Amino acid sequence: MFYLKKEKGNSLRDLFYENADLLNQAFQTMTMAVNAYCQNNVEEARLKAHETISIEKKQDRSREIIIERIFSKETMVFTRTDRLKIIERMDKIVDETEIVVRKLLQFNPTPPAELIDGLGKMAENIGKIGIDLMKLIKVILVDFSEGPQYIKTITDFRREVREIHWVLLTKIFELKLEPLEFNYFQNLIKAISKVSDKSEEFADEINGMLCKYAL
C-alpha cells in the first residue's frame, strides 16, 4: 500500500492563510495611521506607518516562499497560473497601503477640520475591506460558495470610499489651500482611495475565477 508523503512544515494553503493575515494587518495598521493623523497624533501616525511598512516586508518574504512552493508538486484547487496571479495581486494591494503611510511620513500638515470626518470614514472602510479580503482569500481555498458574500461587501465598501473621495477632492478646492498642502491632501486622498480600488479589482478577478472553476 502506498501512502502520501506528509508535507514538512506548513502546507501551501497555510502559507496563503498567513499571507492573507499579513494583508489584513497592513490594512489595519494603515487605517490606524490615518486615524492617528486625523487626530493630530503625529507620533502614533508614524508608529503605525512604520508598522505597515514592516508588515509589507514580511508579506514580501511570504510571497517569495509561496511562489517557490507554487511550482512544486503540491496540489491546490487553483491552477499554478491562478495561484501565482492571486499571490501577486495580494502583494500589489499591500504595496498600496505602504504608499499611503509613506505619504504620512513625508509631510504632516494639520488636516483641515472639513476633511477629518471624510478621511476617517475612508480609513474605516479600508479596515473593513482588509477583513473581508482576508476572509475571501481563506474561504475560496476551501469552499467557493462562501466567496460571493465577501466580494459583494468589498464592492460596497469600495463604493462608499469612492464617493467620499470625490467629496473630499471637491472640498480641497473650496478650502483654497496653499499649493503645497493642496497637492499633499489631493495625493493622500487619491492614495487611500486606490487601496479600495485595487481591492475591488482583485475581488472581481476572484469572482471570475470562481465562475471559471464552477463550470
N, C-alpha and C. Protein backbone atom coordinates (compact mmCIF):
# COMPACT_ATOMS: atom_id res chain seq x y z
N MET A 1 0.85 -1.19 0.00
CA MET A 1 0.00 0.00 0.00
C MET A 1 0.88 1.24 0.00
N PHE A 2 0.47 2.24 -0.79
CA PHE A 2 1.23 3.48 -0.88
C PHE A 2 0.55 4.58 -0.07
N TYR A 3 1.36 5.37 0.60
CA TYR A 3 0.86 6.48 1.38
C TYR A 3 1.45 7.78 0.87
N LEU A 4 0.63 8.83 0.90
CA LEU A 4 1.15 10.14 0.51
C LEU A 4 2.14 10.62 1.55
N LYS A 5 3.25 11.14 1.07
CA LYS A 5 4.27 11.66 1.98
C LYS A 5 3.76 12.94 2.63
N LYS A 6 3.86 13.01 3.94
CA LYS A 6 3.39 14.19 4.66
C LYS A 6 4.28 15.39 4.38
N GLU A 7 3.66 16.53 4.07
CA GLU A 7 4.41 17.76 3.83
C GLU A 7 5.10 18.21 5.10
N LYS A 8 6.36 18.62 4.96
CA LYS A 8 7.08 19.17 6.09
C LYS A 8 6.68 20.63 6.24
N GLY A 9 6.43 21.03 7.49
CA GLY A 9 6.09 22.42 7.72
C GLY A 9 4.67 22.72 7.28
N ASN A 10 4.45 24.00 7.01
CA ASN A 10 3.11 24.44 6.63
C ASN A 10 2.76 24.01 5.22
N SER A 11 1.47 23.73 5.01
CA SER A 11 1.00 23.42 3.67
C SER A 11 0.94 24.71 2.86
N LEU A 12 0.79 24.58 1.55
CA LEU A 12 0.68 25.75 0.69
C LEU A 12 -0.55 26.57 1.07
N ARG A 13 -1.63 25.87 1.42
CA ARG A 13 -2.84 26.57 1.85
C ARG A 13 -2.56 27.40 3.11
N ASP A 14 -1.83 26.79 4.05
CA ASP A 14 -1.49 27.52 5.28
C ASP A 14 -0.67 28.78 4.97
N LEU A 15 0.22 28.67 4.01
CA LEU A 15 1.04 29.82 3.63
C LEU A 15 0.18 30.93 3.02
N PHE A 16 -0.82 30.56 2.24
CA PHE A 16 -1.75 31.56 1.71
C PHE A 16 -2.54 32.20 2.86
N TYR A 17 -2.94 31.39 3.83
CA TYR A 17 -3.65 31.93 5.00
C TYR A 17 -2.79 32.96 5.73
N GLU A 18 -1.53 32.62 5.94
CA GLU A 18 -0.62 33.53 6.63
C GLU A 18 -0.45 34.84 5.85
N ASN A 19 -0.35 34.71 4.53
CA ASN A 19 -0.20 35.90 3.70
C ASN A 19 -1.45 36.76 3.76
N ALA A 20 -2.62 36.11 3.79
CA ALA A 20 -3.88 36.85 3.91
C ALA A 20 -3.95 37.58 5.25
N ASP A 21 -3.45 36.94 6.31
CA ASP A 21 -3.41 37.60 7.62
C ASP A 21 -2.53 38.84 7.58
N LEU A 22 -1.38 38.74 6.92
CA LEU A 22 -0.47 39.88 6.81
C LEU A 22 -1.11 41.00 5.99
N LEU A 23 -1.83 40.63 4.94
CA LEU A 23 -2.55 41.63 4.15
C LEU A 23 -3.52 42.41 5.03
N ASN A 24 -4.29 41.69 5.82
CA ASN A 24 -5.26 42.35 6.70
C ASN A 24 -4.56 43.22 7.74
N GLN A 25 -3.46 42.73 8.28
CA GLN A 25 -2.71 43.53 9.26
C GLN A 25 -2.25 44.84 8.65
N ALA A 26 -1.79 44.80 7.41
CA ALA A 26 -1.34 46.03 6.74
C ALA A 26 -2.50 47.01 6.57
N PHE A 27 -3.67 46.49 6.23
CA PHE A 27 -4.86 47.34 6.11
C PHE A 27 -5.20 47.99 7.45
N GLN A 28 -5.11 47.20 8.52
CA GLN A 28 -5.49 47.73 9.84
C GLN A 28 -4.50 48.77 10.35
N THR A 29 -3.21 48.52 10.19
CA THR A 29 -2.23 49.49 10.66
C THR A 29 -2.25 50.76 9.81
N MET A 30 -2.51 50.60 8.51
CA MET A 30 -2.67 51.79 7.66
C MET A 30 -3.86 52.62 8.12
N THR A 31 -4.96 51.93 8.43
CA THR A 31 -6.16 52.61 8.94
C THR A 31 -5.86 53.36 10.23
N MET A 32 -5.14 52.70 11.13
CA MET A 32 -4.79 53.34 12.40
C MET A 32 -3.87 54.54 12.19
N ALA A 33 -2.97 54.43 11.22
CA ALA A 33 -2.06 55.54 10.93
C ALA A 33 -2.84 56.77 10.44
N VAL A 34 -3.79 56.54 9.53
CA VAL A 34 -4.60 57.65 9.01
C VAL A 34 -5.45 58.26 10.12
N ASN A 35 -6.05 57.41 10.94
CA ASN A 35 -6.88 57.91 12.04
C ASN A 35 -6.06 58.73 13.03
N ALA A 36 -4.85 58.26 13.35
CA ALA A 36 -3.99 58.99 14.27
C ALA A 36 -3.61 60.34 13.67
N TYR A 37 -3.34 60.35 12.37
CA TYR A 37 -3.00 61.61 11.70
C TYR A 37 -4.18 62.58 11.76
N CYS A 38 -5.40 62.08 11.55
CA CYS A 38 -6.59 62.93 11.61
C CYS A 38 -6.80 63.51 13.01
N GLN A 39 -6.32 62.79 14.03
CA GLN A 39 -6.43 63.27 15.41
C GLN A 39 -5.23 64.12 15.81
N ASN A 40 -4.39 64.41 14.82
CA ASN A 40 -3.20 65.25 15.02
C ASN A 40 -2.20 64.59 15.97
N ASN A 41 -2.23 63.25 16.00
CA ASN A 41 -1.29 62.48 16.81
C ASN A 41 -0.18 61.99 15.88
N VAL A 42 0.76 62.86 15.60
CA VAL A 42 1.80 62.57 14.61
C VAL A 42 2.67 61.39 15.05
N GLU A 43 2.97 61.31 16.34
CA GLU A 43 3.83 60.23 16.84
C GLU A 43 3.18 58.87 16.61
N GLU A 44 1.89 58.75 16.93
CA GLU A 44 1.18 57.49 16.72
C GLU A 44 1.04 57.18 15.23
N ALA A 45 0.79 58.20 14.43
CA ALA A 45 0.67 58.01 12.98
C ALA A 45 1.98 57.46 12.41
N ARG A 46 3.10 57.99 12.88
CA ARG A 46 4.40 57.50 12.41
C ARG A 46 4.65 56.06 12.87
N LEU A 47 4.27 55.77 14.11
CA LEU A 47 4.45 54.42 14.63
C LEU A 47 3.68 53.40 13.79
N LYS A 48 2.41 53.69 13.50
CA LYS A 48 1.59 52.78 12.71
C LYS A 48 2.04 52.72 11.25
N ALA A 49 2.57 53.84 10.77
CA ALA A 49 3.11 53.86 9.40
C ALA A 49 4.30 52.90 9.30
N HIS A 50 5.18 52.95 10.28
CA HIS A 50 6.35 52.07 10.26
C HIS A 50 5.93 50.61 10.45
N GLU A 51 4.88 50.37 11.23
CA GLU A 51 4.37 49.00 11.38
C GLU A 51 3.86 48.48 10.03
N THR A 52 3.17 49.34 9.31
CA THR A 52 2.65 48.95 7.98
C THR A 52 3.79 48.58 7.04
N ILE A 53 4.83 49.39 7.05
CA ILE A 53 5.99 49.12 6.19
C ILE A 53 6.65 47.80 6.57
N SER A 54 6.74 47.54 7.87
CA SER A 54 7.32 46.28 8.35
C SER A 54 6.48 45.09 7.92
N ILE A 55 5.17 45.22 8.00
CA ILE A 55 4.27 44.13 7.57
C ILE A 55 4.40 43.89 6.08
N GLU A 56 4.53 44.97 5.31
CA GLU A 56 4.68 44.83 3.86
C GLU A 56 5.93 44.02 3.53
N LYS A 57 7.00 44.25 4.28
CA LYS A 57 8.24 43.49 4.05
C LYS A 57 8.05 42.02 4.40
N LYS A 58 7.33 41.75 5.50
CA LYS A 58 7.04 40.36 5.88
C LYS A 58 6.20 39.68 4.81
N GLN A 59 5.24 40.42 4.28
CA GLN A 59 4.38 39.84 3.25
C GLN A 59 5.17 39.55 1.98
N ASP A 60 6.14 40.40 1.67
CA ASP A 60 7.02 40.16 0.52
C ASP A 60 7.77 38.84 0.69
N ARG A 61 8.31 38.62 1.87
CA ARG A 61 9.05 37.38 2.13
C ARG A 61 8.12 36.17 2.04
N SER A 62 6.91 36.33 2.58
CA SER A 62 5.91 35.27 2.49
C SER A 62 5.59 34.95 1.03
N ARG A 63 5.44 36.01 0.23
CA ARG A 63 5.15 35.84 -1.20
C ARG A 63 6.25 35.04 -1.90
N GLU A 64 7.50 35.33 -1.57
CA GLU A 64 8.63 34.62 -2.20
C GLU A 64 8.58 33.13 -1.88
N ILE A 65 8.27 32.81 -0.63
CA ILE A 65 8.18 31.41 -0.22
C ILE A 65 7.04 30.71 -0.96
N ILE A 66 5.88 31.41 -1.06
CA ILE A 66 4.72 30.82 -1.73
C ILE A 66 5.02 30.57 -3.20
N ILE A 67 5.69 31.51 -3.85
CA ILE A 67 6.00 31.34 -5.27
C ILE A 67 6.90 30.12 -5.49
N GLU A 68 7.85 29.91 -4.60
CA GLU A 68 8.70 28.72 -4.69
C GLU A 68 7.86 27.45 -4.56
N ARG A 69 6.92 27.47 -3.64
CA ARG A 69 6.09 26.28 -3.39
C ARG A 69 5.07 26.06 -4.50
N ILE A 70 4.62 27.15 -5.14
CA ILE A 70 3.62 27.02 -6.20
C ILE A 70 4.11 26.08 -7.30
N PHE A 71 5.41 26.13 -7.57
CA PHE A 71 5.97 25.34 -8.67
C PHE A 71 6.50 23.99 -8.21
N SER A 72 6.09 23.59 -7.00
CA SER A 72 6.40 22.24 -6.53
C SER A 72 5.27 21.31 -6.97
N LYS A 73 5.31 20.09 -6.49
CA LYS A 73 4.27 19.12 -6.87
C LYS A 73 3.03 19.21 -6.00
N GLU A 74 3.05 20.11 -5.02
CA GLU A 74 1.91 20.23 -4.11
C GLU A 74 0.67 20.70 -4.87
N THR A 75 -0.46 20.11 -4.59
CA THR A 75 -1.68 20.43 -5.32
C THR A 75 -2.59 21.37 -4.53
N MET A 76 -3.37 22.15 -5.29
CA MET A 76 -4.41 23.01 -4.73
C MET A 76 -5.54 23.05 -5.73
N VAL A 77 -6.66 23.60 -5.30
CA VAL A 77 -7.81 23.66 -6.19
C VAL A 77 -7.55 24.56 -7.39
N PHE A 78 -6.75 25.60 -7.22
CA PHE A 78 -6.44 26.52 -8.32
C PHE A 78 -5.22 26.04 -9.09
N THR A 79 -5.18 26.37 -10.38
CA THR A 79 -4.02 26.03 -11.20
C THR A 79 -2.82 26.85 -10.73
N ARG A 80 -1.62 26.46 -11.13
CA ARG A 80 -0.43 27.22 -10.77
C ARG A 80 -0.52 28.66 -11.25
N THR A 81 -1.03 28.84 -12.46
CA THR A 81 -1.16 30.19 -13.02
C THR A 81 -2.06 31.06 -12.16
N ASP A 82 -3.18 30.50 -11.73
CA ASP A 82 -4.12 31.27 -10.91
C ASP A 82 -3.58 31.48 -9.50
N ARG A 83 -2.88 30.49 -8.97
CA ARG A 83 -2.26 30.67 -7.65
C ARG A 83 -1.28 31.85 -7.69
N LEU A 84 -0.48 31.87 -8.76
CA LEU A 84 0.52 32.93 -8.92
C LEU A 84 -0.17 34.28 -9.07
N LYS A 85 -1.25 34.31 -9.82
CA LYS A 85 -2.00 35.56 -10.01
C LYS A 85 -2.56 36.07 -8.68
N ILE A 86 -3.08 35.15 -7.85
CA ILE A 86 -3.65 35.54 -6.56
C ILE A 86 -2.59 36.14 -5.65
N ILE A 87 -1.45 35.46 -5.53
CA ILE A 87 -0.42 35.95 -4.60
C ILE A 87 0.20 37.25 -5.09
N GLU A 88 0.34 37.40 -6.39
CA GLU A 88 0.90 38.65 -6.92
C GLU A 88 -0.05 39.81 -6.69
N ARG A 89 -1.34 39.56 -6.85
CA ARG A 89 -2.35 40.60 -6.61
C ARG A 89 -2.38 41.00 -5.15
N MET A 90 -2.28 40.02 -4.27
CA MET A 90 -2.25 40.32 -2.84
C MET A 90 -1.06 41.23 -2.51
N ASP A 91 0.06 40.93 -3.10
CA ASP A 91 1.27 41.71 -2.87
C ASP A 91 1.09 43.16 -3.34
N LYS A 92 0.50 43.32 -4.51
CA LYS A 92 0.32 44.68 -5.06
C LYS A 92 -0.66 45.51 -4.23
N ILE A 93 -1.67 44.87 -3.65
CA ILE A 93 -2.62 45.60 -2.80
C ILE A 93 -1.92 46.10 -1.54
N VAL A 94 -1.10 45.25 -0.93
CA VAL A 94 -0.37 45.69 0.26
C VAL A 94 0.61 46.80 -0.08
N ASP A 95 1.18 46.75 -1.27
CA ASP A 95 2.05 47.85 -1.73
C ASP A 95 1.32 49.19 -1.68
N GLU A 96 0.03 49.17 -2.00
CA GLU A 96 -0.75 50.42 -1.99
C GLU A 96 -0.93 50.96 -0.57
N THR A 97 -1.04 50.06 0.42
CA THR A 97 -1.13 50.54 1.81
C THR A 97 0.17 51.19 2.23
N GLU A 98 1.28 50.65 1.74
CA GLU A 98 2.58 51.24 2.07
C GLU A 98 2.71 52.64 1.47
N ILE A 99 2.20 52.83 0.27
CA ILE A 99 2.26 54.15 -0.37
C ILE A 99 1.53 55.18 0.48
N VAL A 100 0.38 54.81 1.03
CA VAL A 100 -0.38 55.74 1.88
C VAL A 100 0.44 56.17 3.08
N VAL A 101 1.01 55.20 3.80
CA VAL A 101 1.74 55.56 5.02
C VAL A 101 3.05 56.27 4.71
N ARG A 102 3.64 55.99 3.56
CA ARG A 102 4.85 56.73 3.16
C ARG A 102 4.53 58.22 3.02
N LYS A 103 3.34 58.51 2.52
CA LYS A 103 2.93 59.90 2.38
C LYS A 103 2.77 60.56 3.75
N LEU A 104 2.26 59.80 4.72
CA LEU A 104 2.12 60.33 6.07
C LEU A 104 3.47 60.63 6.71
N LEU A 105 4.49 59.87 6.30
CA LEU A 105 5.82 60.09 6.85
C LEU A 105 6.56 61.25 6.18
N GLN A 106 6.14 61.60 4.98
CA GLN A 106 6.83 62.65 4.23
C GLN A 106 6.51 64.06 4.72
N PHE A 107 5.26 64.27 5.06
CA PHE A 107 4.78 65.64 5.31
C PHE A 107 3.58 65.55 6.23
N ASN A 108 3.50 66.42 7.23
CA ASN A 108 2.41 66.32 8.20
C ASN A 108 1.70 67.65 8.45
N PRO A 109 1.12 68.26 7.42
CA PRO A 109 0.33 69.46 7.67
C PRO A 109 -0.91 69.10 8.48
N THR A 110 -1.35 69.98 9.34
CA THR A 110 -2.55 69.72 10.12
C THR A 110 -3.75 69.62 9.18
N PRO A 111 -4.48 68.51 9.22
CA PRO A 111 -5.61 68.36 8.30
C PRO A 111 -6.72 69.36 8.64
N PRO A 112 -7.27 70.04 7.66
CA PRO A 112 -8.40 70.95 7.91
C PRO A 112 -9.57 70.19 8.52
N ALA A 113 -10.30 70.85 9.41
CA ALA A 113 -11.44 70.22 10.07
C ALA A 113 -12.44 69.65 9.08
N GLU A 114 -12.56 70.31 7.93
CA GLU A 114 -13.53 69.88 6.91
C GLU A 114 -13.17 68.54 6.27
N LEU A 115 -11.93 68.10 6.43
CA LEU A 115 -11.51 66.85 5.80
C LEU A 115 -11.47 65.67 6.77
N ILE A 116 -11.45 65.96 8.06
CA ILE A 116 -11.17 64.92 9.06
C ILE A 116 -12.21 63.79 9.06
N ASP A 117 -13.48 64.13 9.07
CA ASP A 117 -14.52 63.08 9.10
C ASP A 117 -14.44 62.19 7.85
N GLY A 118 -14.25 62.82 6.71
CA GLY A 118 -14.18 62.06 5.46
C GLY A 118 -12.98 61.14 5.40
N LEU A 119 -11.81 61.65 5.81
CA LEU A 119 -10.61 60.81 5.83
C LEU A 119 -10.78 59.65 6.80
N GLY A 120 -11.39 59.94 7.95
CA GLY A 120 -11.63 58.89 8.94
C GLY A 120 -12.57 57.82 8.42
N LYS A 121 -13.62 58.23 7.72
CA LYS A 121 -14.58 57.28 7.17
C LYS A 121 -13.95 56.44 6.06
N MET A 122 -13.13 57.07 5.23
CA MET A 122 -12.41 56.30 4.20
C MET A 122 -11.54 55.24 4.85
N ALA A 123 -10.80 55.65 5.89
CA ALA A 123 -9.90 54.72 6.57
C ALA A 123 -10.69 53.58 7.22
N GLU A 124 -11.81 53.92 7.83
CA GLU A 124 -12.66 52.89 8.46
C GLU A 124 -13.10 51.85 7.45
N ASN A 125 -13.52 52.29 6.28
CA ASN A 125 -13.95 51.35 5.24
C ASN A 125 -12.79 50.52 4.71
N ILE A 126 -11.60 51.12 4.64
CA ILE A 126 -10.42 50.36 4.22
C ILE A 126 -10.16 49.23 5.21
N GLY A 127 -10.30 49.52 6.50
CA GLY A 127 -10.13 48.48 7.51
C GLY A 127 -11.11 47.34 7.32
N LYS A 128 -12.36 47.67 7.01
CA LYS A 128 -13.38 46.64 6.77
C LYS A 128 -13.07 45.84 5.51
N ILE A 129 -12.57 46.50 4.48
CA ILE A 129 -12.18 45.80 3.25
C ILE A 129 -11.07 44.81 3.55
N GLY A 130 -10.10 45.22 4.38
CA GLY A 130 -9.00 44.32 4.73
C GLY A 130 -9.49 43.04 5.37
N ILE A 131 -10.44 43.16 6.29
CA ILE A 131 -11.00 41.98 6.94
C ILE A 131 -11.71 41.07 5.94
N ASP A 132 -12.48 41.69 5.05
CA ASP A 132 -13.23 40.88 4.07
C ASP A 132 -12.32 40.27 3.01
N LEU A 133 -11.25 40.96 2.66
CA LEU A 133 -10.28 40.37 1.72
C LEU A 133 -9.63 39.14 2.34
N MET A 134 -9.24 39.26 3.61
CA MET A 134 -8.64 38.13 4.31
C MET A 134 -9.61 36.94 4.33
N LYS A 135 -10.86 37.20 4.67
CA LYS A 135 -11.86 36.12 4.72
C LYS A 135 -12.11 35.53 3.34
N LEU A 136 -12.16 36.40 2.32
CA LEU A 136 -12.38 35.93 0.95
C LEU A 136 -11.28 34.97 0.51
N ILE A 137 -10.05 35.36 0.75
CA ILE A 137 -8.92 34.53 0.34
C ILE A 137 -8.97 33.18 1.04
N LYS A 138 -9.29 33.21 2.31
CA LYS A 138 -9.30 31.95 3.08
C LYS A 138 -10.44 31.03 2.67
N VAL A 139 -11.63 31.60 2.45
CA VAL A 139 -12.77 30.71 2.15
C VAL A 139 -12.68 30.09 0.76
N ILE A 140 -12.14 30.82 -0.21
CA ILE A 140 -12.12 30.27 -1.57
C ILE A 140 -11.16 29.10 -1.70
N LEU A 141 -10.25 28.96 -0.73
CA LEU A 141 -9.34 27.83 -0.76
C LEU A 141 -10.00 26.58 -0.19
N VAL A 142 -11.22 26.75 0.34
CA VAL A 142 -11.95 25.63 0.94
C VAL A 142 -13.32 25.43 0.30
N ASP A 143 -14.05 26.56 0.12
CA ASP A 143 -15.44 26.47 -0.35
C ASP A 143 -15.78 27.67 -1.23
N PHE A 144 -15.90 27.43 -2.52
CA PHE A 144 -16.21 28.51 -3.47
C PHE A 144 -17.50 29.24 -3.12
N SER A 145 -18.47 28.52 -2.59
CA SER A 145 -19.80 29.09 -2.37
C SER A 145 -19.79 30.23 -1.36
N GLU A 146 -18.76 30.30 -0.51
CA GLU A 146 -18.68 31.34 0.51
C GLU A 146 -18.09 32.65 -0.03
N GLY A 147 -17.49 32.59 -1.22
CA GLY A 147 -16.79 33.74 -1.75
C GLY A 147 -17.65 34.95 -2.12
N PRO A 148 -18.78 34.77 -2.82
CA PRO A 148 -19.56 35.91 -3.31
C PRO A 148 -20.00 36.91 -2.25
N GLN A 149 -20.29 36.45 -1.02
CA GLN A 149 -20.74 37.38 0.02
C GLN A 149 -19.66 38.41 0.35
N TYR A 150 -18.40 37.98 0.34
CA TYR A 150 -17.30 38.89 0.65
C TYR A 150 -16.99 39.80 -0.55
N ILE A 151 -17.15 39.25 -1.74
CA ILE A 151 -16.95 40.06 -2.95
C ILE A 151 -17.94 41.21 -2.96
N LYS A 152 -19.18 40.93 -2.57
CA LYS A 152 -20.22 41.97 -2.54
C LYS A 152 -19.89 43.06 -1.53
N THR A 153 -19.50 42.66 -0.31
CA THR A 153 -19.23 43.68 0.72
C THR A 153 -18.01 44.51 0.37
N ILE A 154 -17.00 43.89 -0.22
CA ILE A 154 -15.82 44.64 -0.66
C ILE A 154 -16.22 45.69 -1.69
N THR A 155 -17.09 45.30 -2.62
CA THR A 155 -17.58 46.23 -3.64
C THR A 155 -18.37 47.37 -3.00
N ASP A 156 -19.19 47.04 -2.00
CA ASP A 156 -19.99 48.07 -1.34
C ASP A 156 -19.12 49.06 -0.57
N PHE A 157 -18.13 48.56 0.16
CA PHE A 157 -17.24 49.44 0.91
C PHE A 157 -16.41 50.31 -0.04
N ARG A 158 -15.99 49.72 -1.13
CA ARG A 158 -15.21 50.49 -2.11
C ARG A 158 -16.05 51.61 -2.70
N ARG A 159 -17.34 51.35 -2.94
CA ARG A 159 -18.22 52.37 -3.49
C ARG A 159 -18.33 53.56 -2.53
N GLU A 160 -18.44 53.27 -1.24
CA GLU A 160 -18.50 54.34 -0.24
C GLU A 160 -17.21 55.15 -0.22
N VAL A 161 -16.08 54.45 -0.27
CA VAL A 161 -14.78 55.14 -0.28
C VAL A 161 -14.69 56.06 -1.49
N ARG A 162 -15.13 55.55 -2.62
CA ARG A 162 -15.04 56.33 -3.87
C ARG A 162 -15.90 57.60 -3.78
N GLU A 163 -17.09 57.48 -3.21
CA GLU A 163 -17.98 58.63 -3.09
C GLU A 163 -17.36 59.70 -2.16
N ILE A 164 -16.79 59.25 -1.05
CA ILE A 164 -16.15 60.19 -0.12
C ILE A 164 -14.94 60.84 -0.78
N HIS A 165 -14.22 60.06 -1.55
CA HIS A 165 -13.05 60.54 -2.29
C HIS A 165 -13.40 61.75 -3.15
N TRP A 166 -14.51 61.69 -3.87
CA TRP A 166 -14.91 62.81 -4.73
C TRP A 166 -15.37 64.01 -3.91
N VAL A 167 -16.04 63.75 -2.81
CA VAL A 167 -16.48 64.85 -1.93
C VAL A 167 -15.27 65.60 -1.38
N LEU A 168 -14.27 64.85 -0.91
CA LEU A 168 -13.09 65.47 -0.33
C LEU A 168 -12.26 66.23 -1.35
N LEU A 169 -12.18 65.69 -2.56
CA LEU A 169 -11.44 66.40 -3.61
C LEU A 169 -12.11 67.73 -3.94
N THR A 170 -13.44 67.73 -3.90
CA THR A 170 -14.17 69.00 -4.12
C THR A 170 -13.88 69.98 -2.99
N LYS A 171 -13.84 69.47 -1.74
CA LYS A 171 -13.62 70.34 -0.59
C LYS A 171 -12.25 71.01 -0.60
N ILE A 172 -11.23 70.28 -1.05
CA ILE A 172 -9.90 70.90 -1.02
C ILE A 172 -9.79 72.04 -2.03
N PHE A 173 -10.62 72.02 -3.08
CA PHE A 173 -10.68 73.17 -3.98
C PHE A 173 -11.39 74.33 -3.28
N GLU A 174 -12.47 74.02 -2.58
CA GLU A 174 -13.25 75.06 -1.89
C GLU A 174 -12.46 75.72 -0.76
N LEU A 175 -11.56 74.96 -0.13
CA LEU A 175 -10.79 75.49 1.00
C LEU A 175 -9.69 76.45 0.58
N LYS A 176 -9.37 76.43 -0.72
CA LYS A 176 -8.32 77.33 -1.25
C LYS A 176 -7.04 77.20 -0.43
N LEU A 177 -6.56 75.97 -0.32
CA LEU A 177 -5.35 75.68 0.45
C LEU A 177 -4.10 76.21 -0.27
N GLU A 178 -3.04 76.35 0.49
CA GLU A 178 -1.75 76.68 -0.11
C GLU A 178 -1.36 75.56 -1.07
N PRO A 179 -0.65 75.88 -2.16
CA PRO A 179 -0.34 74.85 -3.18
C PRO A 179 0.28 73.57 -2.63
N LEU A 180 1.23 73.69 -1.68
CA LEU A 180 1.89 72.52 -1.14
C LEU A 180 0.89 71.63 -0.39
N GLU A 181 0.04 72.24 0.42
CA GLU A 181 -0.96 71.47 1.17
C GLU A 181 -2.04 70.92 0.25
N PHE A 182 -2.45 71.71 -0.73
CA PHE A 182 -3.44 71.23 -1.70
C PHE A 182 -2.94 69.97 -2.37
N ASN A 183 -1.70 70.00 -2.83
CA ASN A 183 -1.12 68.85 -3.53
C ASN A 183 -1.02 67.65 -2.59
N TYR A 184 -0.63 67.90 -1.34
CA TYR A 184 -0.49 66.82 -0.38
C TYR A 184 -1.82 66.12 -0.12
N PHE A 185 -2.85 66.88 0.20
CA PHE A 185 -4.14 66.27 0.52
C PHE A 185 -4.77 65.62 -0.71
N GLN A 186 -4.58 66.20 -1.86
CA GLN A 186 -5.09 65.60 -3.09
C GLN A 186 -4.47 64.22 -3.29
N ASN A 187 -3.14 64.14 -3.13
CA ASN A 187 -2.45 62.86 -3.33
C ASN A 187 -2.79 61.85 -2.24
N LEU A 188 -2.93 62.32 -1.00
CA LEU A 188 -3.27 61.41 0.10
C LEU A 188 -4.66 60.81 -0.11
N ILE A 189 -5.62 61.64 -0.45
CA ILE A 189 -6.99 61.16 -0.69
C ILE A 189 -7.02 60.14 -1.82
N LYS A 190 -6.30 60.44 -2.89
CA LYS A 190 -6.26 59.52 -4.03
C LYS A 190 -5.58 58.20 -3.66
N ALA A 191 -4.51 58.28 -2.85
CA ALA A 191 -3.79 57.07 -2.46
C ALA A 191 -4.66 56.15 -1.60
N ILE A 192 -5.40 56.74 -0.67
CA ILE A 192 -6.30 55.94 0.17
C ILE A 192 -7.37 55.28 -0.69
N SER A 193 -7.93 56.05 -1.60
CA SER A 193 -8.97 55.52 -2.48
C SER A 193 -8.44 54.39 -3.36
N LYS A 194 -7.17 54.50 -3.75
CA LYS A 194 -6.59 53.48 -4.63
C LYS A 194 -6.48 52.13 -3.94
N VAL A 195 -6.30 52.13 -2.62
CA VAL A 195 -6.27 50.86 -1.89
C VAL A 195 -7.59 50.12 -2.09
N SER A 196 -8.69 50.86 -1.99
CA SER A 196 -10.01 50.22 -2.18
C SER A 196 -10.24 49.84 -3.64
N ASP A 197 -9.75 50.66 -4.56
CA ASP A 197 -9.89 50.34 -5.99
C ASP A 197 -9.20 49.02 -6.33
N LYS A 198 -7.96 48.88 -5.88
CA LYS A 198 -7.19 47.66 -6.16
C LYS A 198 -7.81 46.45 -5.48
N SER A 199 -8.41 46.68 -4.31
CA SER A 199 -9.08 45.59 -3.60
C SER A 199 -10.29 45.09 -4.39
N GLU A 200 -11.07 46.02 -4.91
CA GLU A 200 -12.24 45.61 -5.69
C GLU A 200 -11.82 44.91 -6.98
N GLU A 201 -10.76 45.41 -7.63
CA GLU A 201 -10.28 44.76 -8.85
C GLU A 201 -9.89 43.30 -8.55
N PHE A 202 -9.22 43.11 -7.42
CA PHE A 202 -8.83 41.76 -7.02
C PHE A 202 -10.06 40.89 -6.75
N ALA A 203 -11.04 41.45 -6.04
CA ALA A 203 -12.27 40.71 -5.76
C ALA A 203 -12.98 40.33 -7.05
N ASP A 204 -12.97 41.23 -8.03
CA ASP A 204 -13.59 40.94 -9.33
C ASP A 204 -12.85 39.79 -10.03
N GLU A 205 -11.53 39.79 -9.93
CA GLU A 205 -10.75 38.70 -10.54
C GLU A 205 -11.07 37.37 -9.87
N ILE A 206 -11.18 37.41 -8.54
CA ILE A 206 -11.53 36.18 -7.82
C ILE A 206 -12.90 35.69 -8.26
N ASN A 207 -13.83 36.62 -8.44
CA ASN A 207 -15.17 36.24 -8.90
C ASN A 207 -15.11 35.56 -10.25
N GLY A 208 -14.27 36.07 -11.13
CA GLY A 208 -14.09 35.44 -12.45
C GLY A 208 -13.53 34.04 -12.32
N MET A 209 -12.58 33.86 -11.40
CA MET A 209 -12.02 32.53 -11.19
C MET A 209 -13.07 31.56 -10.65
N LEU A 210 -13.89 32.05 -9.71
CA LEU A 210 -14.91 31.19 -9.15
C LEU A 210 -15.89 30.73 -10.22
N CYS A 211 -16.22 31.65 -11.11
CA CYS A 211 -17.12 31.29 -12.22
C CYS A 211 -16.46 30.24 -13.13
N LYS A 212 -15.16 30.43 -13.39
CA LYS A 212 -14.44 29.52 -14.26
C LYS A 212 -14.40 28.11 -13.66
N TYR A 213 -14.08 28.00 -12.38
CA TYR A 213 -13.94 26.69 -11.75
C TYR A 213 -15.29 26.05 -11.45
N ALA A 214 -16.35 26.84 -11.47
CA ALA A 214 -17.69 26.30 -11.23
C ALA A 214 -18.24 25.59 -12.47
N LEU A 215 -17.63 25.87 -13.62
CA LEU A 215 -18.13 25.28 -14.88
C LEU A 215 -17.89 23.77 -14.91
